[in-house]
Amino acid sequence: MKSDLTEAERDLIRQKIQEKYAGVAAATAGCFRYPTGAAGIRQQEYPEELWRDFPPDLLESFCGVGNPFSLGPVRPGEAVLDIGCGAGFDALAAARLVGPQGRVVGVDLTKAMLEKARQHQALLGLKNVFFEEGEAETLPFPDGEFAVVLSNGVFNLALDKEKAVREAFRVLKPGGRLMLADMVLTAPLPPERDQKVENWFQ
């Protein structure tokens, strides 16, 4: 994939990603080539006690590619950031794990996803989780703010992945944990697909 994107190409990619995920917010089923919804949650082996009473719409909105919680603990009282929180599944699960003394912030580029996340938060009555607009490459937080940074299927969409990773580590406390689930290429793209701007938002 080309790394020398023009500013016009970057703007187009951002626009198309937001359009795609606004559509996903409206109806997740059929938008991806892997299991989503409750089937995806079960396939990724999320502990059922975290989500068994989540609203049906929140379960249906799940489109994560993995289970970041399988990579390490999230402890009571910790501050957690969820980069690319979508409709809020991982952030709301983390809010349960950190408890009332902890704090979770979910950031996402897509306003429709943030709306859904806030609706799900209200249905669950969780007061220790907050949702705001933001992107992985320019996180709106001070250094060392979080004990845990989560992300699920988002870094593959970042236009500058190195910068996104640097930002994640910048906002982590010393000894904090980056718990990242994502998709990666395991072989070069076919020639007819390589170097296409559309690769970012298909």
N, C-alpha and C. Protein backbone atom coordinates (compact mmCIF):
# COMPACT_ATOMS: atom_id res chain seq x y z
N MET A 1 0.85 -1.19 0.00
CA MET A 1 0.00 0.00 0.00
C MET A 1 0.87 1.23 0.00
N LYS A 2 0.53 2.20 -0.80
CA LYS A 2 1.36 3.38 -0.95
C LYS A 2 1.43 4.17 0.35
N SER A 3 2.60 4.72 0.67
CA SER A 3 2.76 5.51 1.87
C SER A 3 2.87 6.99 1.55
N ASP A 4 3.02 7.33 0.26
CA ASP A 4 3.19 8.72 -0.13
C ASP A 4 1.86 9.30 -0.62
N LEU A 5 0.86 9.23 0.25
CA LEU A 5 -0.46 9.74 -0.11
C LEU A 5 -0.46 11.25 -0.21
N THR A 6 -1.18 11.78 -1.19
CA THR A 6 -1.36 13.22 -1.28
C THR A 6 -2.39 13.65 -0.23
N GLU A 7 -2.45 14.94 0.04
CA GLU A 7 -3.43 15.44 1.01
C GLU A 7 -4.85 15.19 0.51
N ALA A 8 -5.06 15.30 -0.81
CA ALA A 8 -6.38 15.02 -1.37
C ALA A 8 -6.75 13.56 -1.16
N GLU A 9 -5.79 12.65 -1.35
CA GLU A 9 -6.06 11.23 -1.12
C GLU A 9 -6.36 10.96 0.35
N ARG A 10 -5.61 11.61 1.24
CA ARG A 10 -5.86 11.44 2.67
C ARG A 10 -7.27 11.91 3.04
N ASP A 11 -7.67 13.05 2.51
CA ASP A 11 -9.01 13.57 2.78
C ASP A 11 -10.08 12.61 2.26
N LEU A 12 -9.85 12.07 1.05
CA LEU A 12 -10.80 11.12 0.48
C LEU A 12 -10.91 9.87 1.35
N ILE A 13 -9.78 9.36 1.79
CA ILE A 13 -9.79 8.14 2.63
C ILE A 13 -10.55 8.40 3.92
N ARG A 14 -10.25 9.51 4.59
CA ARG A 14 -10.96 9.84 5.84
C ARG A 14 -12.47 9.92 5.60
N GLN A 15 -12.85 10.62 4.51
CA GLN A 15 -14.27 10.77 4.19
C GLN A 15 -14.93 9.42 3.95
N LYS A 16 -14.27 8.56 3.18
CA LYS A 16 -14.87 7.27 2.83
C LYS A 16 -14.93 6.34 4.04
N ILE A 17 -13.92 6.39 4.91
CA ILE A 17 -13.97 5.58 6.13
C ILE A 17 -15.14 6.01 6.99
N GLN A 18 -15.33 7.33 7.13
CA GLN A 18 -16.45 7.82 7.94
C GLN A 18 -17.79 7.43 7.31
N GLU A 19 -17.88 7.50 5.99
CA GLU A 19 -19.12 7.10 5.32
C GLU A 19 -19.39 5.61 5.53
N LYS A 20 -18.34 4.81 5.41
CA LYS A 20 -18.52 3.36 5.59
C LYS A 20 -19.03 3.05 6.98
N TYR A 21 -18.41 3.65 8.00
CA TYR A 21 -18.77 3.30 9.37
C TYR A 21 -20.06 3.98 9.83
N ALA A 22 -20.47 5.05 9.17
CA ALA A 22 -21.81 5.57 9.41
C ALA A 22 -22.84 4.54 8.93
N GLY A 23 -22.54 3.89 7.79
CA GLY A 23 -23.40 2.81 7.31
C GLY A 23 -23.40 1.61 8.24
N VAL A 24 -22.22 1.27 8.79
CA VAL A 24 -22.12 0.17 9.74
C VAL A 24 -22.94 0.48 10.99
N ALA A 25 -22.90 1.75 11.44
CA ALA A 25 -23.68 2.15 12.62
C ALA A 25 -25.17 1.94 12.38
N ALA A 26 -25.61 2.15 11.15
CA ALA A 26 -27.03 1.97 10.82
C ALA A 26 -27.42 0.50 10.78
N ALA A 27 -26.53 -0.36 10.27
CA ALA A 27 -26.81 -1.80 10.17
C ALA A 27 -25.50 -2.54 9.96
N THR A 28 -25.05 -3.25 10.99
CA THR A 28 -23.74 -3.92 10.94
C THR A 28 -23.78 -5.19 10.10
N ALA A 29 -24.88 -5.93 10.17
CA ALA A 29 -24.96 -7.24 9.50
C ALA A 29 -24.66 -7.09 8.01
N GLY A 30 -23.80 -7.97 7.51
CA GLY A 30 -23.47 -8.01 6.10
C GLY A 30 -22.40 -7.04 5.65
N CYS A 31 -21.86 -6.22 6.58
CA CYS A 31 -20.87 -5.22 6.20
C CYS A 31 -19.44 -5.77 6.17
N PHE A 32 -19.23 -6.96 6.74
CA PHE A 32 -17.88 -7.50 6.86
C PHE A 32 -17.86 -8.96 6.44
N ARG A 33 -16.67 -9.46 6.17
CA ARG A 33 -16.53 -10.85 5.71
C ARG A 33 -16.15 -11.79 6.85
N TYR A 34 -16.41 -11.39 8.06
CA TYR A 34 -16.15 -12.22 9.24
C TYR A 34 -17.36 -12.08 10.16
N PRO A 35 -17.51 -13.00 11.12
CA PRO A 35 -18.69 -12.95 11.99
C PRO A 35 -18.72 -11.67 12.82
N THR A 36 -19.88 -11.04 12.87
CA THR A 36 -20.11 -9.85 13.69
C THR A 36 -21.25 -10.17 14.65
N GLY A 37 -21.66 -9.17 15.41
CA GLY A 37 -22.75 -9.38 16.34
C GLY A 37 -22.40 -10.41 17.41
N ALA A 38 -23.43 -11.03 17.99
CA ALA A 38 -23.22 -12.00 19.06
C ALA A 38 -22.37 -13.18 18.60
N ALA A 39 -22.51 -13.56 17.32
CA ALA A 39 -21.68 -14.68 16.80
C ALA A 39 -20.20 -14.31 16.84
N GLY A 40 -19.88 -13.06 16.48
CA GLY A 40 -18.49 -12.61 16.54
C GLY A 40 -17.98 -12.54 17.97
N ILE A 41 -18.82 -12.08 18.89
CA ILE A 41 -18.43 -12.00 20.30
C ILE A 41 -18.10 -13.39 20.83
N ARG A 42 -18.96 -14.35 20.51
CA ARG A 42 -18.71 -15.72 20.98
C ARG A 42 -17.46 -16.31 20.32
N GLN A 43 -17.29 -16.06 19.02
CA GLN A 43 -16.11 -16.60 18.33
C GLN A 43 -14.83 -16.04 18.93
N GLN A 44 -14.86 -14.78 19.36
CA GLN A 44 -13.67 -14.16 19.94
C GLN A 44 -13.51 -14.48 21.43
N GLU A 45 -14.44 -15.27 21.97
CA GLU A 45 -14.35 -15.81 23.34
C GLU A 45 -14.30 -14.72 24.41
N TYR A 46 -15.15 -13.71 24.25
CA TYR A 46 -15.34 -12.74 25.33
C TYR A 46 -16.04 -13.45 26.50
N PRO A 47 -15.60 -13.21 27.73
CA PRO A 47 -16.31 -13.80 28.88
C PRO A 47 -17.77 -13.35 28.91
N GLU A 48 -18.67 -14.29 29.00
CA GLU A 48 -20.09 -13.97 28.89
C GLU A 48 -20.56 -13.05 30.01
N GLU A 49 -19.92 -13.13 31.18
CA GLU A 49 -20.36 -12.27 32.29
C GLU A 49 -20.16 -10.79 31.97
N LEU A 50 -19.29 -10.48 31.00
CA LEU A 50 -19.08 -9.08 30.61
C LEU A 50 -20.23 -8.53 29.77
N TRP A 51 -20.95 -9.39 29.06
CA TRP A 51 -21.87 -8.88 28.05
C TRP A 51 -23.26 -9.52 28.05
N ARG A 52 -23.51 -10.46 28.92
CA ARG A 52 -24.79 -11.21 28.80
C ARG A 52 -26.02 -10.32 28.94
N ASP A 53 -25.90 -9.19 29.67
CA ASP A 53 -27.06 -8.31 29.81
C ASP A 53 -26.92 -7.03 28.97
N PHE A 54 -25.98 -7.02 28.02
CA PHE A 54 -25.88 -5.87 27.12
C PHE A 54 -27.13 -5.80 26.24
N PRO A 55 -27.57 -4.59 25.87
CA PRO A 55 -28.75 -4.47 24.99
C PRO A 55 -28.54 -5.19 23.66
N PRO A 56 -29.60 -5.76 23.10
CA PRO A 56 -29.46 -6.48 21.82
C PRO A 56 -28.81 -5.63 20.73
N ASP A 57 -29.14 -4.35 20.65
CA ASP A 57 -28.56 -3.50 19.61
C ASP A 57 -27.05 -3.36 19.78
N LEU A 58 -26.58 -3.32 21.02
CA LEU A 58 -25.14 -3.25 21.26
C LEU A 58 -24.45 -4.53 20.80
N LEU A 59 -25.07 -5.67 21.08
CA LEU A 59 -24.50 -6.94 20.62
C LEU A 59 -24.49 -7.00 19.09
N GLU A 60 -25.58 -6.58 18.47
CA GLU A 60 -25.67 -6.61 17.00
C GLU A 60 -24.66 -5.67 16.36
N SER A 61 -24.26 -4.61 17.07
CA SER A 61 -23.33 -3.61 16.53
C SER A 61 -21.87 -4.05 16.60
N PHE A 62 -21.58 -5.14 17.28
CA PHE A 62 -20.18 -5.57 17.44
C PHE A 62 -19.58 -5.94 16.09
N CYS A 63 -18.43 -5.33 15.75
CA CYS A 63 -17.73 -5.70 14.51
C CYS A 63 -16.23 -5.78 14.74
N GLY A 64 -15.84 -6.14 15.96
CA GLY A 64 -14.42 -6.29 16.26
C GLY A 64 -13.81 -7.49 15.56
N VAL A 65 -12.49 -7.43 15.37
CA VAL A 65 -11.78 -8.52 14.68
C VAL A 65 -11.09 -9.46 15.65
N GLY A 66 -11.11 -9.14 16.94
CA GLY A 66 -10.46 -9.96 17.94
C GLY A 66 -10.97 -9.59 19.32
N ASN A 67 -10.29 -10.11 20.33
CA ASN A 67 -10.67 -9.86 21.72
C ASN A 67 -9.47 -9.26 22.45
N PRO A 68 -9.37 -7.93 22.53
CA PRO A 68 -8.21 -7.34 23.19
C PRO A 68 -8.08 -7.72 24.65
N PHE A 69 -9.19 -8.09 25.31
CA PHE A 69 -9.13 -8.47 26.72
C PHE A 69 -8.41 -9.79 26.93
N SER A 70 -8.22 -10.55 25.87
CA SER A 70 -7.47 -11.81 25.98
C SER A 70 -5.97 -11.56 26.12
N LEU A 71 -5.53 -10.31 25.95
CA LEU A 71 -4.10 -10.00 25.94
C LEU A 71 -3.56 -9.55 27.29
N GLY A 72 -4.42 -9.38 28.27
CA GLY A 72 -3.95 -8.97 29.58
C GLY A 72 -5.11 -8.49 30.43
N PRO A 73 -4.82 -8.20 31.71
CA PRO A 73 -5.90 -7.80 32.62
C PRO A 73 -6.27 -6.33 32.47
N VAL A 74 -7.51 -6.04 32.78
CA VAL A 74 -7.98 -4.68 33.02
C VAL A 74 -8.47 -4.68 34.46
N ARG A 75 -7.85 -3.85 35.30
CA ARG A 75 -8.05 -3.97 36.75
C ARG A 75 -8.97 -2.89 37.30
N PRO A 76 -9.63 -3.18 38.42
CA PRO A 76 -10.46 -2.16 39.07
C PRO A 76 -9.66 -0.89 39.35
N GLY A 77 -10.30 0.25 39.10
CA GLY A 77 -9.69 1.54 39.38
C GLY A 77 -8.81 2.10 38.29
N GLU A 78 -8.57 1.35 37.21
CA GLU A 78 -7.68 1.83 36.16
C GLU A 78 -8.39 2.79 35.21
N ALA A 79 -7.57 3.60 34.52
CA ALA A 79 -8.04 4.46 33.44
C ALA A 79 -7.73 3.75 32.12
N VAL A 80 -8.73 3.65 31.25
CA VAL A 80 -8.63 2.88 30.00
C VAL A 80 -9.06 3.77 28.84
N LEU A 81 -8.31 3.70 27.74
CA LEU A 81 -8.68 4.37 26.49
C LEU A 81 -8.98 3.31 25.45
N ASP A 82 -10.11 3.46 24.76
CA ASP A 82 -10.48 2.58 23.64
C ASP A 82 -10.41 3.40 22.36
N ILE A 83 -9.40 3.13 21.53
CA ILE A 83 -9.20 3.87 20.28
C ILE A 83 -10.04 3.22 19.18
N GLY A 84 -10.95 4.00 18.59
CA GLY A 84 -11.86 3.46 17.58
C GLY A 84 -12.95 2.64 18.24
N CYS A 85 -13.65 3.26 19.20
CA CYS A 85 -14.58 2.53 20.06
C CYS A 85 -15.84 2.06 19.36
N GLY A 86 -16.13 2.59 18.17
CA GLY A 86 -17.34 2.17 17.47
C GLY A 86 -18.58 2.37 18.32
N ALA A 87 -19.45 1.38 18.35
CA ALA A 87 -20.71 1.48 19.09
C ALA A 87 -20.54 1.23 20.58
N GLY A 88 -19.30 1.00 21.03
CA GLY A 88 -19.01 1.02 22.46
C GLY A 88 -18.83 -0.30 23.14
N PHE A 89 -18.86 -1.42 22.44
CA PHE A 89 -18.84 -2.73 23.11
C PHE A 89 -17.62 -2.88 24.03
N ASP A 90 -16.42 -2.69 23.49
CA ASP A 90 -15.21 -2.90 24.31
C ASP A 90 -15.10 -1.87 25.42
N ALA A 91 -15.44 -0.62 25.14
CA ALA A 91 -15.36 0.43 26.17
C ALA A 91 -16.32 0.12 27.31
N LEU A 92 -17.52 -0.34 26.99
CA LEU A 92 -18.50 -0.63 28.03
C LEU A 92 -18.12 -1.89 28.81
N ALA A 93 -17.53 -2.87 28.13
CA ALA A 93 -17.01 -4.04 28.85
C ALA A 93 -15.88 -3.62 29.80
N ALA A 94 -14.99 -2.74 29.32
CA ALA A 94 -13.90 -2.26 30.16
C ALA A 94 -14.44 -1.48 31.36
N ALA A 95 -15.52 -0.71 31.15
CA ALA A 95 -16.11 0.06 32.25
C ALA A 95 -16.57 -0.86 33.38
N ARG A 96 -17.05 -2.02 33.02
CA ARG A 96 -17.44 -3.00 34.04
C ARG A 96 -16.20 -3.52 34.78
N LEU A 97 -15.13 -3.74 34.06
CA LEU A 97 -13.92 -4.29 34.68
C LEU A 97 -13.25 -3.29 35.61
N VAL A 98 -13.21 -2.01 35.24
CA VAL A 98 -12.54 -1.03 36.09
C VAL A 98 -13.40 -0.59 37.26
N GLY A 99 -14.71 -0.78 37.17
CA GLY A 99 -15.59 -0.45 38.27
C GLY A 99 -15.78 1.05 38.46
N PRO A 100 -16.54 1.43 39.47
CA PRO A 100 -16.87 2.84 39.67
C PRO A 100 -15.68 3.72 40.01
N GLN A 101 -14.60 3.15 40.50
CA GLN A 101 -13.40 3.94 40.80
C GLN A 101 -12.52 4.13 39.58
N GLY A 102 -12.79 3.41 38.50
CA GLY A 102 -12.02 3.53 37.27
C GLY A 102 -12.71 4.46 36.28
N ARG A 103 -12.07 4.60 35.12
CA ARG A 103 -12.59 5.51 34.09
C ARG A 103 -12.22 4.95 32.72
N VAL A 104 -13.16 5.01 31.79
CA VAL A 104 -12.93 4.56 30.41
C VAL A 104 -13.33 5.68 29.47
N VAL A 105 -12.48 5.94 28.48
CA VAL A 105 -12.79 6.90 27.43
C VAL A 105 -12.73 6.17 26.09
N GLY A 106 -13.77 6.31 25.30
CA GLY A 106 -13.78 5.77 23.94
C GLY A 106 -13.71 6.91 22.95
N VAL A 107 -12.83 6.79 21.96
CA VAL A 107 -12.75 7.80 20.90
C VAL A 107 -13.04 7.14 19.56
N ASP A 108 -13.68 7.91 18.69
CA ASP A 108 -13.99 7.41 17.35
C ASP A 108 -14.13 8.61 16.42
N LEU A 109 -13.87 8.37 15.13
CA LEU A 109 -14.00 9.41 14.11
C LEU A 109 -15.44 9.61 13.66
N THR A 110 -16.28 8.60 13.84
CA THR A 110 -17.59 8.58 13.21
C THR A 110 -18.67 9.01 14.20
N LYS A 111 -19.30 10.13 13.92
CA LYS A 111 -20.31 10.68 14.83
C LYS A 111 -21.46 9.70 15.05
N ALA A 112 -21.88 8.98 14.02
CA ALA A 112 -22.99 8.04 14.17
C ALA A 112 -22.64 6.91 15.13
N MET A 113 -21.38 6.47 15.10
CA MET A 113 -20.94 5.45 16.05
C MET A 113 -20.92 6.00 17.48
N LEU A 114 -20.44 7.22 17.65
CA LEU A 114 -20.41 7.82 18.98
C LEU A 114 -21.82 7.99 19.54
N GLU A 115 -22.76 8.35 18.68
CA GLU A 115 -24.16 8.45 19.12
C GLU A 115 -24.66 7.12 19.64
N LYS A 116 -24.37 6.05 18.89
CA LYS A 116 -24.80 4.73 19.33
C LYS A 116 -24.13 4.35 20.64
N ALA A 117 -22.84 4.62 20.76
CA ALA A 117 -22.13 4.29 21.99
C ALA A 117 -22.76 4.99 23.19
N ARG A 118 -23.10 6.26 23.03
CA ARG A 118 -23.72 7.01 24.14
C ARG A 118 -25.11 6.47 24.47
N GLN A 119 -25.86 6.06 23.45
CA GLN A 119 -27.17 5.45 23.70
C GLN A 119 -27.02 4.15 24.49
N HIS A 120 -26.03 3.34 24.11
CA HIS A 120 -25.80 2.08 24.82
C HIS A 120 -25.36 2.34 26.26
N GLN A 121 -24.51 3.33 26.45
CA GLN A 121 -24.08 3.70 27.80
C GLN A 121 -25.29 4.09 28.65
N ALA A 122 -26.19 4.89 28.09
CA ALA A 122 -27.37 5.32 28.84
C ALA A 122 -28.25 4.13 29.22
N LEU A 123 -28.41 3.18 28.31
CA LEU A 123 -29.22 2.00 28.61
C LEU A 123 -28.62 1.18 29.74
N LEU A 124 -27.28 1.13 29.80
CA LEU A 124 -26.60 0.35 30.84
C LEU A 124 -26.42 1.15 32.13
N GLY A 125 -26.60 2.46 32.07
CA GLY A 125 -26.46 3.28 33.26
C GLY A 125 -25.05 3.38 33.81
N LEU A 126 -24.05 3.20 32.96
CA LEU A 126 -22.65 3.28 33.41
C LEU A 126 -22.19 4.73 33.43
N LYS A 127 -21.70 5.18 34.57
CA LYS A 127 -21.30 6.58 34.75
C LYS A 127 -19.79 6.79 34.60
N ASN A 128 -19.03 5.72 34.45
CA ASN A 128 -17.57 5.83 34.44
C ASN A 128 -16.97 5.70 33.05
N VAL A 129 -17.80 5.91 32.02
CA VAL A 129 -17.31 5.80 30.64
C VAL A 129 -17.77 7.03 29.87
N PHE A 130 -16.90 7.53 29.00
CA PHE A 130 -17.14 8.75 28.24
C PHE A 130 -16.76 8.51 26.79
N PHE A 131 -17.49 9.13 25.87
CA PHE A 131 -17.22 8.95 24.44
C PHE A 131 -17.00 10.31 23.81
N GLU A 132 -15.94 10.41 22.99
CA GLU A 132 -15.65 11.68 22.32
C GLU A 132 -15.00 11.44 20.97
N GLU A 133 -15.07 12.46 20.14
CA GLU A 133 -14.51 12.37 18.80
C GLU A 133 -12.99 12.46 18.86
N GLY A 134 -12.32 11.64 18.08
CA GLY A 134 -10.86 11.67 18.04
C GLY A 134 -10.35 10.61 17.09
N GLU A 135 -9.06 10.74 16.71
CA GLU A 135 -8.45 9.76 15.82
C GLU A 135 -7.12 9.28 16.38
N ALA A 136 -6.71 8.11 15.94
CA ALA A 136 -5.56 7.44 16.52
C ALA A 136 -4.27 8.24 16.39
N GLU A 137 -4.11 8.98 15.30
CA GLU A 137 -2.84 9.68 15.06
C GLU A 137 -2.70 10.97 15.87
N THR A 138 -3.79 11.50 16.41
CA THR A 138 -3.73 12.74 17.19
C THR A 138 -4.68 12.62 18.37
N LEU A 139 -4.29 11.87 19.36
CA LEU A 139 -5.16 11.65 20.52
C LEU A 139 -5.22 12.90 21.39
N PRO A 140 -6.41 13.32 21.80
CA PRO A 140 -6.57 14.57 22.54
C PRO A 140 -6.40 14.39 24.05
N PHE A 141 -5.29 13.77 24.47
CA PHE A 141 -5.05 13.49 25.88
C PHE A 141 -3.60 13.79 26.24
N PRO A 142 -3.35 14.11 27.51
CA PRO A 142 -1.97 14.36 27.93
C PRO A 142 -1.16 13.08 28.02
N ASP A 143 0.15 13.23 28.12
CA ASP A 143 1.05 12.08 28.27
C ASP A 143 0.69 11.32 29.55
N GLY A 144 0.82 9.99 29.47
CA GLY A 144 0.69 9.17 30.67
C GLY A 144 -0.68 9.17 31.32
N GLU A 145 -1.72 9.33 30.54
CA GLU A 145 -3.08 9.46 31.09
C GLU A 145 -3.72 8.12 31.45
N PHE A 146 -3.33 7.02 30.74
CA PHE A 146 -4.07 5.77 30.83
C PHE A 146 -3.17 4.60 31.23
N ALA A 147 -3.76 3.69 32.01
CA ALA A 147 -3.07 2.44 32.36
C ALA A 147 -3.18 1.42 31.24
N VAL A 148 -4.26 1.50 30.46
CA VAL A 148 -4.51 0.53 29.38
C VAL A 148 -5.02 1.30 28.16
N VAL A 149 -4.49 0.95 27.00
CA VAL A 149 -5.05 1.41 25.72
C VAL A 149 -5.52 0.18 24.97
N LEU A 150 -6.81 0.17 24.64
CA LEU A 150 -7.43 -0.90 23.84
C LEU A 150 -7.65 -0.43 22.42
N SER A 151 -7.63 -1.35 21.48
CA SER A 151 -8.09 -1.05 20.13
C SER A 151 -8.45 -2.36 19.45
N ASN A 152 -9.51 -2.31 18.64
CA ASN A 152 -10.02 -3.54 18.03
C ASN A 152 -10.39 -3.27 16.58
N GLY A 153 -9.46 -3.60 15.67
CA GLY A 153 -9.75 -3.48 14.24
C GLY A 153 -9.68 -2.07 13.71
N VAL A 154 -8.84 -1.22 14.31
CA VAL A 154 -8.80 0.19 13.93
C VAL A 154 -7.45 0.61 13.35
N PHE A 155 -6.36 0.09 13.86
CA PHE A 155 -5.04 0.55 13.42
C PHE A 155 -4.80 0.24 11.94
N ASN A 156 -5.47 -0.78 11.40
CA ASN A 156 -5.32 -1.05 9.96
C ASN A 156 -5.88 0.10 9.12
N LEU A 157 -6.77 0.92 9.71
CA LEU A 157 -7.36 2.06 8.99
C LEU A 157 -6.54 3.34 9.15
N ALA A 158 -5.58 3.35 10.08
CA ALA A 158 -4.81 4.57 10.33
C ALA A 158 -3.95 4.90 9.12
N LEU A 159 -3.96 6.16 8.72
CA LEU A 159 -3.15 6.58 7.57
C LEU A 159 -1.67 6.58 7.90
N ASP A 160 -1.32 6.88 9.15
CA ASP A 160 0.07 6.85 9.59
C ASP A 160 0.15 5.93 10.80
N LYS A 161 0.39 4.66 10.53
CA LYS A 161 0.36 3.65 11.59
C LYS A 161 1.46 3.88 12.63
N GLU A 162 2.64 4.29 12.17
CA GLU A 162 3.73 4.54 13.11
C GLU A 162 3.35 5.66 14.08
N LYS A 163 2.75 6.72 13.56
CA LYS A 163 2.32 7.82 14.41
C LYS A 163 1.22 7.37 15.37
N ALA A 164 0.30 6.54 14.90
CA ALA A 164 -0.77 6.04 15.76
C ALA A 164 -0.21 5.22 16.92
N VAL A 165 0.79 4.38 16.64
CA VAL A 165 1.40 3.59 17.71
C VAL A 165 2.15 4.49 18.68
N ARG A 166 2.87 5.49 18.16
CA ARG A 166 3.56 6.43 19.05
C ARG A 166 2.58 7.16 19.96
N GLU A 167 1.43 7.56 19.41
CA GLU A 167 0.42 8.23 20.20
C GLU A 167 -0.13 7.32 21.30
N ALA A 168 -0.37 6.05 20.96
CA ALA A 168 -0.87 5.11 21.97
C ALA A 168 0.12 5.00 23.12
N PHE A 169 1.41 4.89 22.81
CA PHE A 169 2.40 4.78 23.88
C PHE A 169 2.59 6.10 24.62
N ARG A 170 2.38 7.21 23.94
CA ARG A 170 2.51 8.51 24.61
C ARG A 170 1.49 8.67 25.72
N VAL A 171 0.25 8.23 25.47
CA VAL A 171 -0.80 8.43 26.47
C VAL A 171 -0.83 7.33 27.54
N LEU A 172 0.00 6.31 27.38
CA LEU A 172 0.09 5.25 28.39
C LEU A 172 0.97 5.69 29.56
N LYS A 173 0.58 5.30 30.76
CA LYS A 173 1.44 5.48 31.92
C LYS A 173 2.66 4.56 31.78
N PRO A 174 3.76 4.86 32.45
CA PRO A 174 4.89 3.91 32.49
C PRO A 174 4.41 2.55 32.99
N GLY A 175 4.74 1.51 32.25
CA GLY A 175 4.28 0.16 32.61
C GLY A 175 2.87 -0.15 32.17
N GLY A 176 2.23 0.78 31.43
CA GLY A 176 0.88 0.55 30.93
C GLY A 176 0.85 -0.51 29.84
N ARG A 177 -0.36 -0.94 29.47
CA ARG A 177 -0.52 -2.04 28.51
C ARG A 177 -1.27 -1.57 27.26
N LEU A 178 -0.69 -1.86 26.09
CA LEU A 178 -1.38 -1.69 24.81
C LEU A 178 -1.95 -3.04 24.43
N MET A 179 -3.28 -3.12 24.35
CA MET A 179 -3.96 -4.38 24.05
C MET A 179 -4.69 -4.19 22.73
N LEU A 180 -4.05 -4.67 21.67
CA LEU A 180 -4.43 -4.34 20.30
C LEU A 180 -4.81 -5.60 19.53
N ALA A 181 -6.03 -5.61 18.98
CA ALA A 181 -6.46 -6.67 18.07
C ALA A 181 -6.68 -6.03 16.71
N ASP A 182 -6.12 -6.64 15.66
CA ASP A 182 -6.28 -6.03 14.35
C ASP A 182 -6.04 -7.05 13.25
N MET A 183 -6.22 -6.59 12.01
CA MET A 183 -5.96 -7.40 10.83
C MET A 183 -4.64 -6.97 10.22
N VAL A 184 -3.88 -7.92 9.70
CA VAL A 184 -2.63 -7.61 9.02
C VAL A 184 -2.54 -8.41 7.72
N LEU A 185 -1.82 -7.87 6.77
CA LEU A 185 -1.54 -8.62 5.54
C LEU A 185 -0.48 -9.66 5.84
N THR A 186 -0.69 -10.87 5.37
CA THR A 186 0.32 -11.92 5.54
C THR A 186 1.06 -12.21 4.23
N ALA A 187 0.67 -11.52 3.17
CA ALA A 187 1.32 -11.68 1.87
C ALA A 187 1.07 -10.39 1.07
N PRO A 188 1.89 -10.13 0.05
CA PRO A 188 1.64 -8.93 -0.76
C PRO A 188 0.27 -8.97 -1.43
N LEU A 189 -0.30 -7.79 -1.62
CA LEU A 189 -1.56 -7.71 -2.35
C LEU A 189 -1.33 -8.09 -3.81
N PRO A 190 -2.34 -8.64 -4.49
CA PRO A 190 -2.21 -8.90 -5.92
C PRO A 190 -1.93 -7.60 -6.67
N PRO A 191 -1.22 -7.67 -7.79
CA PRO A 191 -0.87 -6.44 -8.52
C PRO A 191 -2.05 -5.54 -8.84
N GLU A 192 -3.19 -6.15 -9.15
CA GLU A 192 -4.36 -5.33 -9.51
C GLU A 192 -4.98 -4.62 -8.30
N ARG A 193 -4.60 -5.03 -7.08
CA ARG A 193 -5.12 -4.39 -5.87
C ARG A 193 -4.09 -3.50 -5.18
N ASP A 194 -2.83 -3.71 -5.47
CA ASP A 194 -1.77 -2.98 -4.78
C ASP A 194 -1.81 -1.50 -5.15
N GLN A 195 -1.42 -0.64 -4.20
CA GLN A 195 -1.29 0.81 -4.42
C GLN A 195 -2.60 1.50 -4.76
N LYS A 196 -3.72 0.94 -4.36
CA LYS A 196 -5.01 1.56 -4.63
C LYS A 196 -5.52 2.28 -3.38
N VAL A 197 -5.90 3.52 -3.53
CA VAL A 197 -6.46 4.27 -2.41
C VAL A 197 -7.69 3.56 -1.85
N GLU A 198 -8.46 2.90 -2.70
CA GLU A 198 -9.68 2.23 -2.26
C GLU A 198 -9.42 1.12 -1.24
N ASN A 199 -8.17 0.61 -1.19
CA ASN A 199 -7.85 -0.43 -0.21
C ASN A 199 -8.18 0.01 1.22
N TRP A 200 -8.13 1.30 1.48
CA TRP A 200 -8.31 1.80 2.83
C TRP A 200 -9.74 1.71 3.32
N PHE A 201 -10.71 1.73 2.40
CA PHE A 201 -12.09 1.86 2.88
C PHE A 201 -13.05 0.87 2.26
N GLN A 202 -12.57 -0.18 1.61
CA GLN A 202 -13.48 -1.17 1.03
C GLN A 202 -14.11 -2.01 2.12
